[in-house]
Amino acid sequence: MDCIFCLIDRAILVETKLSQAFFDGFPVSPGHSLVIPKRHVPTIWELSAEEYVDLFNLVKEVKELIQDQFEPQGINVGANFGQAAGQTVFHAHIHIIPRYSGDVPDPRGGIRNIIPGKGTY
């Protein structure tokens, strides 16, 4: 299997029996991290209940690590499930993206800005 997350070659920030976290290889902001299940599944929808809970508990722990180390003013948490949603690595993963005041001109709408022009309401 040629999955870059199954063959991870970077430092692990924190891990559990079922999940692990590391800095994104192409970060959009300082501290941008990924949390993945250790078992290869394309999306979180294929995880067992135990794996799902473990994954999101680790998301919370990584958020705290990022907060302590990088002191962002906000955080976006998100995932891409399926090619139409922008998924390019088909091993489930959750992005934890620190946000900083002034990193974009107008952050209102947050993840709603995935589709241009749809973020304002």
PDB file of N, CA and C in Angstrom:
ATOM      1  N   MET A   1       0.850  -1.181   0.000  1.00  0.00           N
ATOM      2  CA  MET A   1       0.000   0.000   0.000  1.00  0.00           C
ATOM      3  C   MET A   1       0.890   1.236   0.000  1.00  0.00           C
ATOM      4  N   ASP A   2       0.535   2.230  -0.788  1.00  0.00           N
ATOM      5  CA  ASP A   2       1.324   3.448  -0.907  1.00  0.00           C
ATOM      6  C   ASP A   2       0.718   4.624  -0.151  1.00  0.00           C
ATOM      7  N   CYS A   3       0.036   4.372   0.923  1.00  0.00           N
ATOM      8  CA  CYS A   3      -0.600   5.433   1.700  1.00  0.00           C
ATOM      9  C   CYS A   3       0.464   6.175   2.517  1.00  0.00           C
ATOM     10  N   ILE A   4       0.556   7.493   2.298  1.00  0.00           N
ATOM     11  CA  ILE A   4       1.574   8.269   3.018  1.00  0.00           C
ATOM     12  C   ILE A   4       1.310   8.329   4.520  1.00  0.00           C
ATOM     13  N   PHE A   5       0.069   8.116   4.943  1.00  0.00           N
ATOM     14  CA  PHE A   5      -0.220   8.133   6.373  1.00  0.00           C
ATOM     15  C   PHE A   5       0.030   6.772   7.018  1.00  0.00           C
ATOM     16  N   CYS A   6      -0.059   5.712   6.245  1.00  0.00           N
ATOM     17  CA  CYS A   6       0.278   4.380   6.782  1.00  0.00           C
ATOM     18  C   CYS A   6       1.791   4.219   6.899  1.00  0.00           C
ATOM     19  N   LEU A   7       2.522   4.981   6.083  1.00  0.00           N
ATOM     20  CA  LEU A   7       3.986   4.929   6.068  1.00  0.00           C
ATOM     21  C   LEU A   7       4.551   6.251   6.569  1.00  0.00           C
ATOM     22  N   ILE A   8       3.961   6.788   7.622  1.00  0.00           N
ATOM     23  CA  ILE A   8       4.315   8.124   8.119  1.00  0.00           C
ATOM     24  C   ILE A   8       5.804   8.224   8.422  1.00  0.00           C
ATOM     25  N   ASP A   9       6.397   9.300   7.920  1.00  0.00           N
ATOM     26  CA  ASP A   9       7.841   9.505   8.080  1.00  0.00           C
ATOM     27  C   ASP A   9       8.165  10.818   8.783  1.00  0.00           C
ATOM     28  N   ARG A  10       7.284  11.242   9.662  1.00  0.00           N
ATOM     29  CA  ARG A  10       7.542  12.463  10.425  1.00  0.00           C
ATOM     30  C   ARG A  10       7.270  12.215  11.900  1.00  0.00           C
ATOM     31  N   ALA A  11       7.701  13.157  12.699  1.00  0.00           N
ATOM     32  CA  ALA A  11       7.566  13.014  14.151  1.00  0.00           C
ATOM     33  C   ALA A  11       6.095  12.964  14.555  1.00  0.00           C
ATOM     34  N   ILE A  12       5.790  12.065  15.452  1.00  0.00           N
ATOM     35  CA  ILE A  12       4.445  11.941  15.999  1.00  0.00           C
ATOM     36  C   ILE A  12       4.338  12.878  17.200  1.00  0.00           C
ATOM     37  N   LEU A  13       3.331  13.744  17.185  1.00  0.00           N
ATOM     38  CA  LEU A  13       3.117  14.676  18.299  1.00  0.00           C
ATOM     39  C   LEU A  13       2.606  13.942  19.529  1.00  0.00           C
ATOM     40  N   VAL A  14       1.613  13.104  19.316  1.00  0.00           N
ATOM     41  CA  VAL A  14       0.984  12.345  20.396  1.00  0.00           C
ATOM     42  C   VAL A  14       0.236  11.186  19.749  1.00  0.00           C
ATOM     43  N   GLU A  15       0.117  10.090  20.493  1.00  0.00           N
ATOM     44  CA  GLU A  15      -0.618   8.963  19.946  1.00  0.00           C
ATOM     45  C   GLU A  15      -1.302   8.178  21.048  1.00  0.00           C
ATOM     46  N   THR A  16      -2.278   7.417  20.633  1.00  0.00           N
ATOM     47  CA  THR A  16      -2.980   6.480  21.496  1.00  0.00           C
ATOM     48  C   THR A  16      -2.830   5.108  20.860  1.00  0.00           C
ATOM     49  N   LYS A  17      -3.499   4.144  21.413  1.00  0.00           N
ATOM     50  CA  LYS A  17      -3.482   2.799  20.842  1.00  0.00           C
ATOM     51  C   LYS A  17      -4.099   2.795  19.438  1.00  0.00           C
ATOM     52  N   LEU A  18      -5.050   3.703  19.180  1.00  0.00           N
ATOM     53  CA  LEU A  18      -5.820   3.674  17.937  1.00  0.00           C
ATOM     54  C   LEU A  18      -5.597   4.848  16.990  1.00  0.00           C
ATOM     55  N   SER A  19      -4.999   5.925  17.481  1.00  0.00           N
ATOM     56  CA  SER A  19      -4.872   7.149  16.691  1.00  0.00           C
ATOM     57  C   SER A  19      -3.511   7.787  16.901  1.00  0.00           C
ATOM     58  N   GLN A  20      -3.157   8.688  15.980  1.00  0.00           N
ATOM     59  CA  GLN A  20      -1.914   9.450  16.143  1.00  0.00           C
ATOM     60  C   GLN A  20      -2.057  10.820  15.492  1.00  0.00           C
ATOM     61  N   ALA A  21      -1.173  11.728  15.906  1.00  0.00           N
ATOM     62  CA  ALA A  21      -1.213  13.092  15.397  1.00  0.00           C
ATOM     63  C   ALA A  21       0.183  13.551  15.036  1.00  0.00           C
ATOM     64  N   PHE A  22       0.252  14.416  14.021  1.00  0.00           N
ATOM     65  CA  PHE A  22       1.526  14.963  13.564  1.00  0.00           C
ATOM     66  C   PHE A  22       1.259  16.283  12.850  1.00  0.00           C
ATOM     67  N   PHE A  23       2.308  17.080  12.683  1.00  0.00           N
ATOM     68  CA  PHE A  23       2.168  18.332  11.946  1.00  0.00           C
ATOM     69  C   PHE A  23       1.930  18.029  10.470  1.00  0.00           C
ATOM     70  N   ASP A  24       1.095  18.836   9.844  1.00  0.00           N
ATOM     71  CA  ASP A  24       0.810  18.702   8.421  1.00  0.00           C
ATOM     72  C   ASP A  24       2.081  18.985   7.620  1.00  0.00           C
ATOM     73  N   GLY A  25       2.305  18.211   6.573  1.00  0.00           N
ATOM     74  CA  GLY A  25       3.481  18.395   5.718  1.00  0.00           C
ATOM     75  C   GLY A  25       3.414  19.647   4.873  1.00  0.00           C
ATOM     76  N   PHE A  26       2.222  20.175   4.653  1.00  0.00           N
ATOM     77  CA  PHE A  26       2.018  21.396   3.874  1.00  0.00           C
ATOM     78  C   PHE A  26       1.083  22.318   4.661  1.00  0.00           C
ATOM     79  N   PRO A  27       1.566  22.830   5.800  1.00  0.00           N
ATOM     80  CA  PRO A  27       0.686  23.588   6.705  1.00  0.00           C
ATOM     81  C   PRO A  27       0.174  24.889   6.100  1.00  0.00           C
ATOM     82  N   VAL A  28      -1.085  25.193   6.410  1.00  0.00           N
ATOM     83  CA  VAL A  28      -1.647  26.470   5.982  1.00  0.00           C
ATOM     84  C   VAL A  28      -1.442  27.554   7.035  1.00  0.00           C
ATOM     85  N   SER A  29      -1.026  27.142   8.233  1.00  0.00           N
ATOM     86  CA  SER A  29      -0.691  28.098   9.290  1.00  0.00           C
ATOM     87  C   SER A  29       0.245  27.398  10.273  1.00  0.00           C
ATOM     88  N   PRO A  30       0.979  28.166  11.072  1.00  0.00           N
ATOM     89  CA  PRO A  30       1.859  27.541  12.066  1.00  0.00           C
ATOM     90  C   PRO A  30       1.064  26.682  13.052  1.00  0.00           C
ATOM     91  N   GLY A  31       1.468  25.431  13.185  1.00  0.00           N
ATOM     92  CA  GLY A  31       0.804  24.510  14.098  1.00  0.00           C
ATOM     93  C   GLY A  31      -0.235  23.610  13.444  1.00  0.00           C
ATOM     94  N   HIS A  32      -0.513  23.806  12.153  1.00  0.00           N
ATOM     95  CA  HIS A  32      -1.493  22.984  11.433  1.00  0.00           C
ATOM     96  C   HIS A  32      -1.131  21.511  11.611  1.00  0.00           C
ATOM     97  N   SER A  33      -2.057  20.746  12.179  1.00  0.00           N
ATOM     98  CA  SER A  33      -1.807  19.343  12.512  1.00  0.00           C
ATOM     99  C   SER A  33      -2.885  18.445  11.942  1.00  0.00           C
ATOM    100  N   LEU A  34      -2.559  17.166  11.870  1.00  0.00           N
ATOM    101  CA  LEU A  34      -3.494  16.151  11.420  1.00  0.00           C
ATOM    102  C   LEU A  34      -3.629  15.092  12.495  1.00  0.00           C
ATOM    103  N   VAL A  35      -4.830  14.594  12.673  1.00  0.00           N
ATOM    104  CA  VAL A  35      -5.093  13.473  13.565  1.00  0.00           C
ATOM    105  C   VAL A  35      -5.681  12.371  12.697  1.00  0.00           C
ATOM    106  N   ILE A  36      -5.079  11.174  12.783  1.00  0.00           N
ATOM    107  CA  ILE A  36      -5.506  10.068  11.930  1.00  0.00           C
ATOM    108  C   ILE A  36      -5.743   8.810  12.759  1.00  0.00           C
ATOM    109  N   PRO A  37      -6.620   7.939  12.272  1.00  0.00           N
ATOM    110  CA  PRO A  37      -6.707   6.623  12.897  1.00  0.00           C
ATOM    111  C   PRO A  37      -5.504   5.801  12.435  1.00  0.00           C
ATOM    112  N   LYS A  38      -5.018   4.907  13.268  1.00  0.00           N
ATOM    113  CA  LYS A  38      -3.905   4.052  12.858  1.00  0.00           C
ATOM    114  C   LYS A  38      -4.344   3.035  11.808  1.00  0.00           C
ATOM    115  N   ARG A  39      -5.582   2.613  11.905  1.00  0.00           N
ATOM    116  CA  ARG A  39      -6.102   1.667  10.910  1.00  0.00           C
ATOM    117  C   ARG A  39      -6.462   2.427   9.640  1.00  0.00           C
ATOM    118  N   HIS A  40      -6.082   1.886   8.502  1.00  0.00           N
ATOM    119  CA  HIS A  40      -6.364   2.541   7.220  1.00  0.00           C
ATOM    120  C   HIS A  40      -7.830   2.374   6.852  1.00  0.00           C
ATOM    121  N   VAL A  41      -8.529   3.489   6.841  1.00  0.00           N
ATOM    122  CA  VAL A  41      -9.894   3.576   6.318  1.00  0.00           C
ATOM    123  C   VAL A  41      -9.973   4.895   5.558  1.00  0.00           C
ATOM    124  N   PRO A  42     -10.771   4.953   4.488  1.00  0.00           N
ATOM    125  CA  PRO A  42     -10.816   6.179   3.697  1.00  0.00           C
ATOM    126  C   PRO A  42     -11.447   7.378   4.394  1.00  0.00           C
ATOM    127  N   THR A  43     -12.466   7.126   5.226  1.00  0.00           N
ATOM    128  CA  THR A  43     -13.120   8.228   5.933  1.00  0.00           C
ATOM    129  C   THR A  43     -13.450   7.783   7.359  1.00  0.00           C
ATOM    130  N   ILE A  44     -13.799   8.733   8.185  1.00  0.00           N
ATOM    131  CA  ILE A  44     -14.153   8.398   9.570  1.00  0.00           C
ATOM    132  C   ILE A  44     -15.420   7.561   9.654  1.00  0.00           C
ATOM    133  N   TRP A  45     -16.211   7.531   8.593  1.00  0.00           N
ATOM    134  CA  TRP A  45     -17.473   6.795   8.611  1.00  0.00           C
ATOM    135  C   TRP A  45     -17.241   5.284   8.647  1.00  0.00           C
ATOM    136  N   GLU A  46     -16.037   4.821   8.326  1.00  0.00           N
ATOM    137  CA  GLU A  46     -15.713   3.395   8.388  1.00  0.00           C
ATOM    138  C   GLU A  46     -15.090   2.990   9.729  1.00  0.00           C
ATOM    139  N   LEU A  47     -14.892   3.925  10.629  1.00  0.00           N
ATOM    140  CA  LEU A  47     -14.292   3.615  11.928  1.00  0.00           C
ATOM    141  C   LEU A  47     -15.280   2.903  12.839  1.00  0.00           C
ATOM    142  N   SER A  48     -14.740   2.099  13.733  1.00  0.00           N
ATOM    143  CA  SER A  48     -15.588   1.523  14.785  1.00  0.00           C
ATOM    144  C   SER A  48     -15.942   2.643  15.759  1.00  0.00           C
ATOM    145  N   ALA A  49     -16.911   2.408  16.607  1.00  0.00           N
ATOM    146  CA  ALA A  49     -17.293   3.413  17.607  1.00  0.00           C
ATOM    147  C   ALA A  49     -16.107   3.743  18.503  1.00  0.00           C
ATOM    148  N   GLU A  50     -15.344   2.729  18.898  1.00  0.00           N
ATOM    149  CA  GLU A  50     -14.183   2.959  19.755  1.00  0.00           C
ATOM    150  C   GLU A  50     -13.127   3.809  19.045  1.00  0.00           C
ATOM    151  N   GLU A  51     -12.867   3.520  17.786  1.00  0.00           N
ATOM    152  CA  GLU A  51     -11.888   4.301  17.020  1.00  0.00           C
ATOM    153  C   GLU A  51     -12.346   5.744  16.838  1.00  0.00           C
ATOM    154  N   TYR A  52     -13.626   5.929  16.562  1.00  0.00           N
ATOM    155  CA  TYR A  52     -14.188   7.257  16.352  1.00  0.00           C
ATOM    156  C   TYR A  52     -14.031   8.122  17.602  1.00  0.00           C
ATOM    157  N   VAL A  53     -14.414   7.585  18.744  1.00  0.00           N
ATOM    158  CA  VAL A  53     -14.293   8.318  20.006  1.00  0.00           C
ATOM    159  C   VAL A  53     -12.825   8.620  20.299  1.00  0.00           C
ATOM    160  N   ASP A  54     -11.958   7.642  20.099  1.00  0.00           N
ATOM    161  CA  ASP A  54     -10.531   7.830  20.337  1.00  0.00           C
ATOM    162  C   ASP A  54      -9.962   8.938  19.450  1.00  0.00           C
ATOM    163  N   LEU A  55     -10.351   8.932  18.175  1.00  0.00           N
ATOM    164  CA  LEU A  55      -9.869   9.939  17.227  1.00  0.00           C
ATOM    165  C   LEU A  55     -10.236  11.342  17.696  1.00  0.00           C
ATOM    166  N   PHE A  56     -11.499  11.536  18.072  1.00  0.00           N
ATOM    167  CA  PHE A  56     -11.929  12.877  18.464  1.00  0.00           C
ATOM    168  C   PHE A  56     -11.442  13.272  19.853  1.00  0.00           C
ATOM    169  N   ASN A  57     -11.181  12.315  20.709  1.00  0.00           N
ATOM    170  CA  ASN A  57     -10.514  12.650  21.974  1.00  0.00           C
ATOM    171  C   ASN A  57      -9.099  13.150  21.699  1.00  0.00           C
ATOM    172  N   LEU A  58      -8.431  12.544  20.721  1.00  0.00           N
ATOM    173  CA  LEU A  58      -7.087  12.997  20.373  1.00  0.00           C
ATOM    174  C   LEU A  58      -7.132  14.364  19.704  1.00  0.00           C
ATOM    175  N   VAL A  59      -8.163  14.641  18.916  1.00  0.00           N
ATOM    176  CA  VAL A  59      -8.331  15.980  18.335  1.00  0.00           C
ATOM    177  C   VAL A  59      -8.345  17.024  19.454  1.00  0.00           C
ATOM    178  N   LYS A  60      -9.090  16.749  20.497  1.00  0.00           N
ATOM    179  CA  LYS A  60      -9.177  17.685  21.627  1.00  0.00           C
ATOM    180  C   LYS A  60      -7.814  17.854  22.297  1.00  0.00           C
ATOM    181  N   GLU A  61      -7.081  16.762  22.480  1.00  0.00           N
ATOM    182  CA  GLU A  61      -5.758  16.836  23.102  1.00  0.00           C
ATOM    183  C   GLU A  61      -4.776  17.631  22.237  1.00  0.00           C
ATOM    184  N   VAL A  62      -4.813  17.404  20.934  1.00  0.00           N
ATOM    185  CA  VAL A  62      -3.920  18.131  20.024  1.00  0.00           C
ATOM    186  C   VAL A  62      -4.278  19.608  19.994  1.00  0.00           C
ATOM    187  N   LYS A  63      -5.551  19.922  20.049  1.00  0.00           N
ATOM    188  CA  LYS A  63      -5.973  21.325  20.112  1.00  0.00           C
ATOM    189  C   LYS A  63      -5.326  22.010  21.298  1.00  0.00           C
ATOM    190  N   GLU A  64      -5.294  21.351  22.446  1.00  0.00           N
ATOM    191  CA  GLU A  64      -4.671  21.924  23.642  1.00  0.00           C
ATOM    192  C   GLU A  64      -3.163  22.097  23.448  1.00  0.00           C
ATOM    193  N   LEU A  65      -2.509  21.132  22.830  1.00  0.00           N
ATOM    194  CA  LEU A  65      -1.068  21.247  22.553  1.00  0.00           C
ATOM    195  C   LEU A  65      -0.784  22.436  21.642  1.00  0.00           C
ATOM    196  N   ILE A  66      -1.593  22.577  20.607  1.00  0.00           N
ATOM    197  CA  ILE A  66      -1.430  23.699  19.671  1.00  0.00           C
ATOM    198  C   ILE A  66      -1.667  25.018  20.392  1.00  0.00           C
ATOM    199  N   GLN A  67      -2.703  25.066  21.203  1.00  0.00           N
ATOM    200  CA  GLN A  67      -3.010  26.295  21.944  1.00  0.00           C
ATOM    201  C   GLN A  67      -1.834  26.696  22.827  1.00  0.00           C
ATOM    202  N   ASP A  68      -1.259  25.744  23.528  1.00  0.00           N
ATOM    203  CA  ASP A  68      -0.139  26.028  24.428  1.00  0.00           C
ATOM    204  C   ASP A  68       1.119  26.447  23.672  1.00  0.00           C
ATOM    205  N   GLN A  69       1.404  25.779  22.564  1.00  0.00           N
ATOM    206  CA  GLN A  69       2.655  26.018  21.848  1.00  0.00           C
ATOM    207  C   GLN A  69       2.602  27.212  20.903  1.00  0.00           C
ATOM    208  N   PHE A  70       1.466  27.422  20.221  1.00  0.00           N
ATOM    209  CA  PHE A  70       1.403  28.441  19.164  1.00  0.00           C
ATOM    210  C   PHE A  70       0.538  29.647  19.517  1.00  0.00           C
ATOM    211  N   GLU A  71      -0.294  29.537  20.548  1.00  0.00           N
ATOM    212  CA  GLU A  71      -1.158  30.613  21.013  1.00  0.00           C
ATOM    213  C   GLU A  71      -2.004  31.256  19.906  1.00  0.00           C
ATOM    214  N   PRO A  72      -2.715  30.443  19.118  1.00  0.00           N
ATOM    215  CA  PRO A  72      -3.587  31.030  18.098  1.00  0.00           C
ATOM    216  C   PRO A  72      -4.788  31.712  18.743  1.00  0.00           C
ATOM    217  N   GLN A  73      -5.416  32.609  17.990  1.00  0.00           N
ATOM    218  CA  GLN A  73      -6.607  33.291  18.478  1.00  0.00           C
ATOM    219  C   GLN A  73      -7.881  32.513  18.152  1.00  0.00           C
ATOM    220  N   GLY A  74      -7.768  31.490  17.324  1.00  0.00           N
ATOM    221  CA  GLY A  74      -8.901  30.650  16.953  1.00  0.00           C
ATOM    222  C   GLY A  74      -8.395  29.360  16.348  1.00  0.00           C
ATOM    223  N   ILE A  75      -9.291  28.426  16.108  1.00  0.00           N
ATOM    224  CA  ILE A  75      -8.924  27.136  15.505  1.00  0.00           C
ATOM    225  C   ILE A  75     -10.080  26.660  14.639  1.00  0.00           C
ATOM    226  N   ASN A  76      -9.748  26.174  13.449  1.00  0.00           N
ATOM    227  CA  ASN A  76     -10.715  25.472  12.612  1.00  0.00           C
ATOM    228  C   ASN A  76     -10.393  23.986  12.676  1.00  0.00           C
ATOM    229  N   VAL A  77     -11.429  23.171  12.779  1.00  0.00           N
ATOM    230  CA  VAL A  77     -11.288  21.719  12.730  1.00  0.00           C
ATOM    231  C   VAL A  77     -12.154  21.244  11.576  1.00  0.00           C
ATOM    232  N   GLY A  78     -11.564  20.435  10.702  1.00  0.00           N
ATOM    233  CA  GLY A  78     -12.345  19.981   9.565  1.00  0.00           C
ATOM    234  C   GLY A  78     -11.739  18.784   8.875  1.00  0.00           C
ATOM    235  N   ALA A  79     -12.501  18.239   7.950  1.00  0.00           N
ATOM    236  CA  ALA A  79     -12.054  17.075   7.203  1.00  0.00           C
ATOM    237  C   ALA A  79     -12.688  17.083   5.824  1.00  0.00           C
ATOM    238  N   ASN A  80     -12.004  16.439   4.899  1.00  0.00           N
ATOM    239  CA  ASN A  80     -12.496  16.294   3.533  1.00  0.00           C
ATOM    240  C   ASN A  80     -12.811  14.816   3.318  1.00  0.00           C
ATOM    241  N   PHE A  81     -14.057  14.498   3.034  1.00  0.00           N
ATOM    242  CA  PHE A  81     -14.463  13.112   2.836  1.00  0.00           C
ATOM    243  C   PHE A  81     -14.974  12.942   1.418  1.00  0.00           C
ATOM    244  N   GLY A  82     -14.152  12.372   0.572  1.00  0.00           N
ATOM    245  CA  GLY A  82     -14.495  12.150  -0.826  1.00  0.00           C
ATOM    246  C   GLY A  82     -13.813  13.146  -1.733  1.00  0.00           C
ATOM    247  N   GLN A  83     -13.588  12.718  -2.961  1.00  0.00           N
ATOM    248  CA  GLN A  83     -12.885  13.552  -3.940  1.00  0.00           C
ATOM    249  C   GLN A  83     -13.622  14.870  -4.186  1.00  0.00           C
ATOM    250  N   ALA A  84     -14.946  14.845  -4.250  1.00  0.00           N
ATOM    251  CA  ALA A  84     -15.723  16.065  -4.493  1.00  0.00           C
ATOM    252  C   ALA A  84     -15.558  17.075  -3.364  1.00  0.00           C
ATOM    253  N   ALA A  85     -15.208  16.588  -2.169  1.00  0.00           N
ATOM    254  CA  ALA A  85     -14.991  17.463  -1.017  1.00  0.00           C
ATOM    255  C   ALA A  85     -13.533  17.881  -0.895  1.00  0.00           C
ATOM    256  N   GLY A  86     -12.688  17.437  -1.832  1.00  0.00           N
ATOM    257  CA  GLY A  86     -11.288  17.844  -1.821  1.00  0.00           C
ATOM    258  C   GLY A  86     -10.332  16.848  -1.206  1.00  0.00           C
ATOM    259  N   GLN A  87     -10.802  15.654  -0.843  1.00  0.00           N
ATOM    260  CA  GLN A  87      -9.911  14.665  -0.231  1.00  0.00           C
ATOM    261  C   GLN A  87      -8.894  14.198  -1.266  1.00  0.00           C
ATOM    262  N   THR A  88      -7.613  14.256  -0.900  1.00  0.00           N
ATOM    263  CA  THR A  88      -6.538  13.806  -1.791  1.00  0.00           C
ATOM    264  C   THR A  88      -5.754  12.640  -1.202  1.00  0.00           C
ATOM    265  N   VAL A  89      -5.780  12.486   0.104  1.00  0.00           N
ATOM    266  CA  VAL A  89      -5.176  11.329   0.763  1.00  0.00           C
ATOM    267  C   VAL A  89      -6.338  10.521   1.319  1.00  0.00           C
ATOM    268  N   PHE A  90      -6.509   9.300   0.814  1.00  0.00           N
ATOM    269  CA  PHE A  90      -7.683   8.516   1.167  1.00  0.00           C
ATOM    270  C   PHE A  90      -7.427   7.605   2.362  1.00  0.00           C
ATOM    271  N   HIS A  91      -6.893   8.236   3.403  1.00  0.00           N
ATOM    272  CA  HIS A  91      -6.766   7.677   4.747  1.00  0.00           C
ATOM    273  C   HIS A  91      -7.413   8.741   5.624  1.00  0.00           C
ATOM    274  N   ALA A  92      -8.436   8.381   6.356  1.00  0.00           N
ATOM    275  CA  ALA A  92      -9.180   9.356   7.154  1.00  0.00           C
ATOM    276  C   ALA A  92      -8.235  10.245   7.951  1.00  0.00           C
ATOM    277  N   HIS A  93      -8.512  11.539   7.971  1.00  0.00           N
ATOM    278  CA  HIS A  93      -7.709  12.469   8.767  1.00  0.00           C
ATOM    279  C   HIS A  93      -8.509  13.729   9.067  1.00  0.00           C
ATOM    280  N   ILE A  94      -8.251  14.276  10.238  1.00  0.00           N
ATOM    281  CA  ILE A  94      -8.903  15.492  10.702  1.00  0.00           C
ATOM    282  C   ILE A  94      -7.843  16.591  10.764  1.00  0.00           C
ATOM    283  N   HIS A  95      -8.119  17.709  10.125  1.00  0.00           N
ATOM    284  CA  HIS A  95      -7.232  18.870  10.166  1.00  0.00           C
ATOM    285  C   HIS A  95      -7.552  19.711  11.397  1.00  0.00           C
ATOM    286  N   ILE A  96      -6.524  20.126  12.086  1.00  0.00           N
ATOM    287  CA  ILE A  96      -6.655  21.105  13.170  1.00  0.00           C
ATOM    288  C   ILE A  96      -5.811  22.290  12.720  1.00  0.00           C
ATOM    289  N   ILE A  97      -6.484  23.374  12.361  1.00  0.00           N
ATOM    290  CA  ILE A  97      -5.812  24.527  11.745  1.00  0.00           C
ATOM    291  C   ILE A  97      -5.892  25.729  12.665  1.00  0.00           C
ATOM    292  N   PRO A  98      -4.752  26.102  13.249  1.00  0.00           N
ATOM    293  CA  PRO A  98      -4.741  27.310  14.084  1.00  0.00           C
ATOM    294  C   PRO A  98      -5.014  28.542  13.226  1.00  0.00           C
ATOM    295  N   ARG A  99      -5.732  29.491  13.803  1.00  0.00           N
ATOM    296  CA  ARG A  99      -6.040  30.731  13.109  1.00  0.00           C
ATOM    297  C   ARG A  99      -5.513  31.902  13.925  1.00  0.00           C
ATOM    298  N   TYR A 100      -5.031  32.896  13.203  1.00  0.00           N
ATOM    299  CA  TYR A 100      -4.389  34.043  13.827  1.00  0.00           C
ATOM    300  C   TYR A 100      -5.054  35.324  13.349  1.00  0.00           C
ATOM    301  N   SER A 101      -5.215  36.268  14.257  1.00  0.00           N
ATOM    302  CA  SER A 101      -5.811  37.556  13.893  1.00  0.00           C
ATOM    303  C   SER A 101      -5.052  38.131  12.706  1.00  0.00           C
ATOM    304  N   GLY A 102      -5.794  38.489  11.661  1.00  0.00           N
ATOM    305  CA  GLY A 102      -5.200  39.082  10.475  1.00  0.00           C
ATOM    306  C   GLY A 102      -4.703  38.083   9.440  1.00  0.00           C
ATOM    307  N   ASP A 103      -4.883  36.760   9.667  1.00  0.00           N
ATOM    308  CA  ASP A 103      -4.381  35.799   8.680  1.00  0.00           C
ATOM    309  C   ASP A 103      -5.165  35.837   7.367  1.00  0.00           C
ATOM    310  N   VAL A 104      -6.401  36.323   7.417  1.00  0.00           N
ATOM    311  CA  VAL A 104      -7.202  36.621   6.232  1.00  0.00           C
ATOM    312  C   VAL A 104      -7.914  37.941   6.497  1.00  0.00           C
ATOM    313  N   PRO A 105      -8.274  38.673   5.442  1.00  0.00           N
ATOM    314  CA  PRO A 105      -8.915  39.978   5.663  1.00  0.00           C
ATOM    315  C   PRO A 105     -10.209  39.899   6.467  1.00  0.00           C
ATOM    316  N   ASP A 106     -11.053  38.901   6.210  1.00  0.00           N
ATOM    317  CA  ASP A 106     -12.325  38.785   6.916  1.00  0.00           C
ATOM    318  C   ASP A 106     -12.602  37.306   7.186  1.00  0.00           C
ATOM    319  N   PRO A 107     -12.371  36.828   8.419  1.00  0.00           N
ATOM    320  CA  PRO A 107     -12.547  35.414   8.714  1.00  0.00           C
ATOM    321  C   PRO A 107     -13.991  34.967   8.918  1.00  0.00           C
ATOM    322  N   ARG A 108     -14.940  35.921   8.912  1.00  0.00           N
ATOM    323  CA  ARG A 108     -16.337  35.540   9.151  1.00  0.00           C
ATOM    324  C   ARG A 108     -16.780  34.450   8.177  1.00  0.00           C
ATOM    325  N   GLY A 109     -17.487  33.477   8.700  1.00  0.00           N
ATOM    326  CA  GLY A 109     -17.959  32.360   7.888  1.00  0.00           C
ATOM    327  C   GLY A 109     -17.076  31.136   8.019  1.00  0.00           C
ATOM    328  N   GLY A 110     -15.808  31.338   8.434  1.00  0.00           N
ATOM    329  CA  GLY A 110     -14.908  30.217   8.669  1.00  0.00           C
ATOM    330  C   GLY A 110     -14.938  29.168   7.582  1.00  0.00           C
ATOM    331  N   ILE A 111     -15.267  27.934   7.949  1.00  0.00           N
ATOM    332  CA  ILE A 111     -15.241  26.841   6.985  1.00  0.00           C
ATOM    333  C   ILE A 111     -16.331  26.960   5.924  1.00  0.00           C
ATOM    334  N   ARG A 112     -17.283  27.832   6.128  1.00  0.00           N
ATOM    335  CA  ARG A 112     -18.301  28.070   5.097  1.00  0.00           C
ATOM    336  C   ARG A 112     -17.677  28.654   3.840  1.00  0.00           C
ATOM    337  N   ASN A 113     -16.464  29.202   3.951  1.00  0.00           N
ATOM    338  CA  ASN A 113     -15.778  29.790   2.792  1.00  0.00           C
ATOM    339  C   ASN A 113     -15.149  28.749   1.883  1.00  0.00           C
ATOM    340  N   ILE A 114     -15.385  27.468   2.144  1.00  0.00           N
ATOM    341  CA  ILE A 114     -14.897  26.411   1.260  1.00  0.00           C
ATOM    342  C   ILE A 114     -15.395  26.647  -0.159  1.00  0.00           C
ATOM    343  N   ILE A 115     -16.642  27.062  -0.267  1.00  0.00           N
ATOM    344  CA  ILE A 115     -17.211  27.372  -1.592  1.00  0.00           C
ATOM    345  C   ILE A 115     -17.232  28.889  -1.719  1.00  0.00           C
ATOM    346  N   PRO A 116     -16.412  29.440  -2.634  1.00  0.00           N
ATOM    347  CA  PRO A 116     -16.315  30.896  -2.761  1.00  0.00           C
ATOM    348  C   PRO A 116     -17.678  31.559  -2.902  1.00  0.00           C
ATOM    349  N   GLY A 117     -17.849  32.633  -2.158  1.00  0.00           N
ATOM    350  CA  GLY A 117     -19.075  33.397  -2.203  1.00  0.00           C
ATOM    351  C   GLY A 117     -20.194  32.893  -1.330  1.00  0.00           C
ATOM    352  N   LYS A 118     -19.989  31.746  -0.662  1.00  0.00           N
ATOM    353  CA  LYS A 118     -21.044  31.168   0.162  1.00  0.00           C
ATOM    354  C   LYS A 118     -20.798  31.377   1.662  1.00  0.00           C
ATOM    355  N   GLY A 119     -19.688  32.010   2.021  1.00  0.00           N
ATOM    356  CA  GLY A 119     -19.338  32.152   3.424  1.00  0.00           C
ATOM    357  C   GLY A 119     -20.063  33.254   4.163  1.00  0.00           C
ATOM    358  N   THR A 120     -20.554  34.241   3.430  1.00  0.00           N
ATOM    359  CA  THR A 120     -21.233  35.354   4.103  1.00  0.00           C
ATOM    360  C   THR A 120     -22.729  35.077   4.194  1.00  0.00           C
ATOM    361  N   TYR A 121     -23.291  35.504   5.288  1.00  0.00           N
ATOM    362  CA  TYR A 121     -24.730  35.309   5.486  1.00  0.00           C
ATOM    363  C   TYR A 121     -25.279  36.383   6.364  1.00  0.00           C
TER     364      TYR A 121
END
